[in-house]
């Protein structure tokens, strides 16, 4: 019997990233892959092109109003906006010159704070993926002060073609009051010719530490 038939949960998988725009070849007009988690400066990286010379203009929401900022590149490297964007408009990333180079450069945008440190955001990898839950014995590590119960377990599911789990992912069990499980291990189980399924190790923390 397939694991799909044995699935007893629907799980949404979320993951953290610092990139509003994943690395990609520069186009004249581009859209962000995801929105900033909070008002953030945008660190734009340009590299790998013939000259890496041109302008990147970002349009979006700054202090509750529509605004934009242009960054000029004369070589490969990083430039950071002075304005803090809480949202980037659809098709709000416009490049001038970069997409016309013989070898088109790559562009990537990271959301950062005032001090330059990356600001992570959550995004959904897949929504309501069928999985089977395998419970394991709970353990209670002793914290100081206080303690917290950690429930361990596994989620098993057939090998997807479109995504793979990673340590650090969060599985949100939408069929069980949206309980959250942190992925702590991703061993693969193989059949004779190909990977058959995943049995992902997870933990859920109950209670709280002072």
Protein backbone atom coordinates (compact mmCIF):
# COMPACT_ATOMS: atom_id res chain seq x y z
CA UNK A 1 0.00 0.00 0.00
CA UNK A 2 1.33 3.45 -0.87
CA UNK A 3 2.15 6.03 1.78
CA UNK A 4 -0.28 8.37 0.04
CA UNK A 5 -3.11 5.95 0.93
CA UNK A 6 -1.87 5.77 4.54
CA UNK A 7 -1.65 9.55 4.97
CA UNK A 8 -3.60 10.80 7.98
CA UNK A 9 -2.46 14.44 8.03
CA UNK A 10 -2.35 17.41 5.69
CA UNK A 11 0.83 19.38 6.29
CA UNK A 12 1.89 22.82 5.09
CA UNK A 13 5.67 23.15 4.87
CA UNK A 14 7.23 26.55 5.56
CA UNK A 15 10.84 27.59 5.25
CA UNK A 16 12.91 30.64 6.17
CA UNK A 17 14.92 32.71 3.72
CA UNK A 18 16.56 36.12 3.62
CA UNK A 19 16.02 36.61 -0.11
CA UNK A 20 13.21 38.76 -1.49
CA UNK A 21 14.54 37.96 -4.97
CA UNK A 22 16.34 34.66 -5.51
CA UNK A 23 19.43 34.71 -7.71
CA UNK A 24 18.37 34.96 -11.36
CA UNK A 25 19.45 36.53 -14.65
CA UNK A 26 18.65 40.24 -14.83
CA UNK A 27 15.60 41.25 -16.87
CA UNK A 28 14.37 44.72 -17.73
CA UNK A 29 11.37 44.25 -15.41
CA UNK A 30 11.20 41.76 -12.55
CA UNK A 31 8.93 40.82 -9.64
CA UNK A 32 10.01 39.91 -6.12
CA UNK A 33 9.79 36.23 -5.18
CA UNK A 34 8.51 37.18 -1.73
CA UNK A 35 7.74 40.26 0.34
CA UNK A 36 9.83 41.58 3.26
CA UNK A 37 8.70 40.35 6.67
CA UNK A 38 8.98 43.91 8.01
CA UNK A 39 10.21 47.30 6.85
CA UNK A 40 13.70 46.52 5.56
CA UNK A 41 16.51 47.91 3.52
CA UNK A 42 17.14 45.96 0.33
CA UNK A 43 20.66 44.75 -0.41
CA UNK A 44 21.01 44.24 -4.17
CA UNK A 45 23.80 42.08 -5.54
CA UNK A 46 24.85 42.14 -9.22
CA UNK A 47 27.54 39.80 -10.59
CA UNK A 48 28.62 37.51 -13.40
CA UNK A 49 27.90 39.85 -16.33
CA UNK A 50 30.12 41.34 -19.03
CA UNK A 51 30.51 44.69 -17.26
CA UNK A 52 27.86 44.58 -14.49
CA UNK A 53 27.09 48.21 -15.26
CA UNK A 54 23.61 49.66 -14.96
CA UNK A 55 20.84 50.73 -12.61
CA UNK A 56 18.44 48.75 -10.43
CA UNK A 57 15.32 50.65 -9.33
CA UNK A 58 13.03 49.21 -6.67
CA UNK A 59 9.46 50.51 -6.25
CA UNK A 60 7.23 49.70 -3.31
CA UNK A 61 5.88 50.92 0.00
CA UNK A 62 8.01 53.09 2.29
CA UNK A 63 6.49 54.51 5.51
CA UNK A 64 3.01 53.67 4.21
CA UNK A 65 3.36 55.48 0.88
CA UNK A 66 4.48 54.52 -2.63
CA UNK A 67 8.15 55.27 -3.19
CA UNK A 68 11.20 54.08 -5.11
CA UNK A 69 14.99 54.13 -4.99
CA UNK A 70 17.58 53.65 -7.72
CA UNK A 71 20.97 51.99 -7.21
CA UNK A 72 23.71 52.48 -9.79
CA UNK A 73 26.33 49.78 -10.44
CA UNK A 74 29.67 50.38 -12.17
CA UNK A 75 31.00 46.90 -11.41
CA UNK A 76 29.97 43.65 -9.77
CA UNK A 77 29.09 44.02 -6.10
CA UNK A 78 26.49 45.01 -3.54
CA UNK A 79 24.41 48.16 -3.09
CA UNK A 80 21.88 48.77 -0.32
CA UNK A 81 18.86 51.07 -0.34
CA UNK A 82 18.70 53.83 2.23
CA UNK A 83 14.91 53.57 2.31
CA UNK A 84 13.18 50.77 4.20
CA UNK A 85 10.60 48.94 2.11
CA UNK A 86 7.70 47.14 3.77
CA UNK A 87 6.48 45.86 0.38
CA UNK A 88 7.75 45.61 -3.19
CA UNK A 89 5.31 46.36 -6.01
CA UNK A 90 4.41 43.74 -8.62
CA UNK A 91 6.99 44.15 -11.39
CA UNK A 92 8.57 46.69 -9.07
CA UNK A 93 12.20 45.79 -9.83
CA UNK A 94 13.40 47.56 -12.99
CA UNK A 95 16.92 47.29 -14.40
CA UNK A 96 18.55 49.58 -16.95
CA UNK A 97 21.56 48.42 -18.95
CA UNK A 98 22.14 45.10 -17.18
CA UNK A 99 19.86 43.00 -19.38
CA UNK A 100 21.54 44.42 -22.51
CA UNK A 101 25.01 43.08 -21.72
CA UNK A 102 26.47 40.29 -23.88
CA UNK A 103 26.68 38.09 -20.80
CA UNK A 104 23.67 39.05 -18.70
CA UNK A 105 24.56 39.42 -15.02
CA UNK A 106 22.76 37.75 -12.15
CA UNK A 107 20.80 39.76 -9.61
CA UNK A 108 19.73 38.90 -6.06
CA UNK A 109 17.99 40.95 -3.36
CA UNK A 110 18.38 40.35 0.37
CA UNK A 111 16.25 42.02 3.07
CA UNK A 112 18.47 43.55 5.77
CA UNK A 113 18.18 45.72 8.86
CA UNK A 114 19.76 49.10 9.47
CA UNK A 115 22.93 47.37 10.68
CA UNK A 116 23.14 45.22 7.55
CA UNK A 117 22.12 41.96 9.24
CA UNK A 118 19.81 39.74 7.23
CA UNK A 119 16.10 39.67 8.09
CA UNK A 120 14.53 36.27 7.52
CA UNK A 121 10.98 35.66 6.33
CA UNK A 122 8.81 32.56 6.15
CA UNK A 123 7.38 31.25 2.91
CA UNK A 124 5.29 28.21 2.04
CA UNK A 125 7.09 25.47 0.13
CA UNK A 126 3.95 23.35 -0.32
CA UNK A 127 0.43 23.58 1.10
CA UNK A 128 -1.51 20.70 2.71
CA UNK A 129 0.75 17.86 1.58
CA UNK A 130 -0.57 14.36 2.54
CA UNK A 131 1.64 12.71 5.18
CA UNK A 132 1.47 9.89 7.71
CA UNK A 133 2.48 10.73 11.30
CA UNK A 134 4.58 8.22 13.29
CA UNK A 135 4.66 9.10 17.01
CA UNK A 136 7.65 8.39 19.23
CA UNK A 137 8.36 8.57 22.95
CA UNK A 138 8.44 12.06 24.43
CA UNK A 139 11.46 13.34 26.31
CA UNK A 140 11.87 16.11 28.86
CA UNK A 141 15.23 17.91 28.71
CA UNK A 142 16.04 19.79 31.89
CA UNK A 143 16.44 23.52 31.33
CA UNK A 144 17.61 26.06 33.85
CA UNK A 145 15.40 27.48 35.11
CA UNK A 146 12.36 25.36 34.36
CA UNK A 147 11.94 22.61 31.82
CA UNK A 148 10.01 21.93 28.65
CA UNK A 149 8.49 18.78 27.20
CA UNK A 150 9.58 17.92 23.69
CA UNK A 151 7.44 15.48 21.74
CA UNK A 152 9.33 13.60 19.05
CA UNK A 153 7.98 11.91 15.96
CA UNK A 154 8.27 11.38 12.23
CA UNK A 155 6.28 12.37 9.18
CA UNK A 156 6.39 9.83 6.35
CA UNK A 157 5.41 10.63 2.79
CA UNK A 158 6.14 9.48 -0.73
CA UNK A 159 9.04 11.09 -2.55
CA UNK A 160 7.83 14.38 -4.11
CA UNK A 161 9.03 15.38 -7.55
CA UNK A 162 8.74 19.13 -6.90
CA UNK A 163 10.38 19.64 -3.48
CA UNK A 164 12.57 18.03 -0.82
CA UNK A 165 12.46 18.58 2.96
CA UNK A 166 15.34 20.32 4.76
CA UNK A 167 16.42 20.51 8.38
CA UNK A 168 14.98 23.70 9.84
CA UNK A 169 11.72 23.46 7.89
CA UNK A 170 8.50 23.85 9.89
CA UNK A 171 5.67 21.38 9.29
CA UNK A 172 2.28 22.87 10.18
CA UNK A 173 -0.29 20.11 10.72
CA UNK A 174 -3.45 21.75 9.40
CA UNK A 175 -5.61 18.77 10.44
CA UNK A 176 -4.55 19.01 14.10
CA UNK A 177 -5.14 22.57 15.29
CA UNK A 178 -2.22 23.88 13.21
CA UNK A 179 0.35 22.26 15.51
CA UNK A 180 3.91 23.06 14.47
CA UNK A 181 6.77 20.60 14.14
CA UNK A 182 10.42 21.51 13.60
CA UNK A 183 12.29 19.27 11.15
CA UNK A 184 15.47 17.99 12.84
CA UNK A 185 16.48 15.21 10.44
CA UNK A 186 15.80 14.17 6.86
CA UNK A 187 17.02 10.58 6.29
CA UNK A 188 16.11 9.07 2.93
CA UNK A 189 14.71 5.57 2.49
CA UNK A 190 15.50 3.95 -0.83
CA UNK A 191 13.91 1.20 -2.82
CA UNK A 192 15.83 -1.05 -5.18
CA UNK A 193 16.10 1.50 -8.00
CA UNK A 194 15.08 4.89 -6.61
CA UNK A 195 14.29 6.80 -3.45
CA UNK A 196 10.94 5.50 -2.26
CA UNK A 197 9.86 7.89 0.49
CA UNK A 198 10.89 10.28 3.23
CA UNK A 199 10.66 9.67 6.97
CA UNK A 200 11.37 13.13 8.34
CA UNK A 201 12.33 13.43 12.01
CA UNK A 202 10.45 16.22 13.80
CA UNK A 203 9.97 17.65 17.28
CA UNK A 204 7.20 19.70 18.84
CA UNK A 205 7.83 21.67 22.00
CA UNK A 206 5.09 21.70 24.61
CA UNK A 207 4.86 24.24 27.41
CA UNK A 208 7.42 27.03 27.73
CA UNK A 209 10.71 27.98 29.27
CA UNK A 210 10.78 31.04 31.56
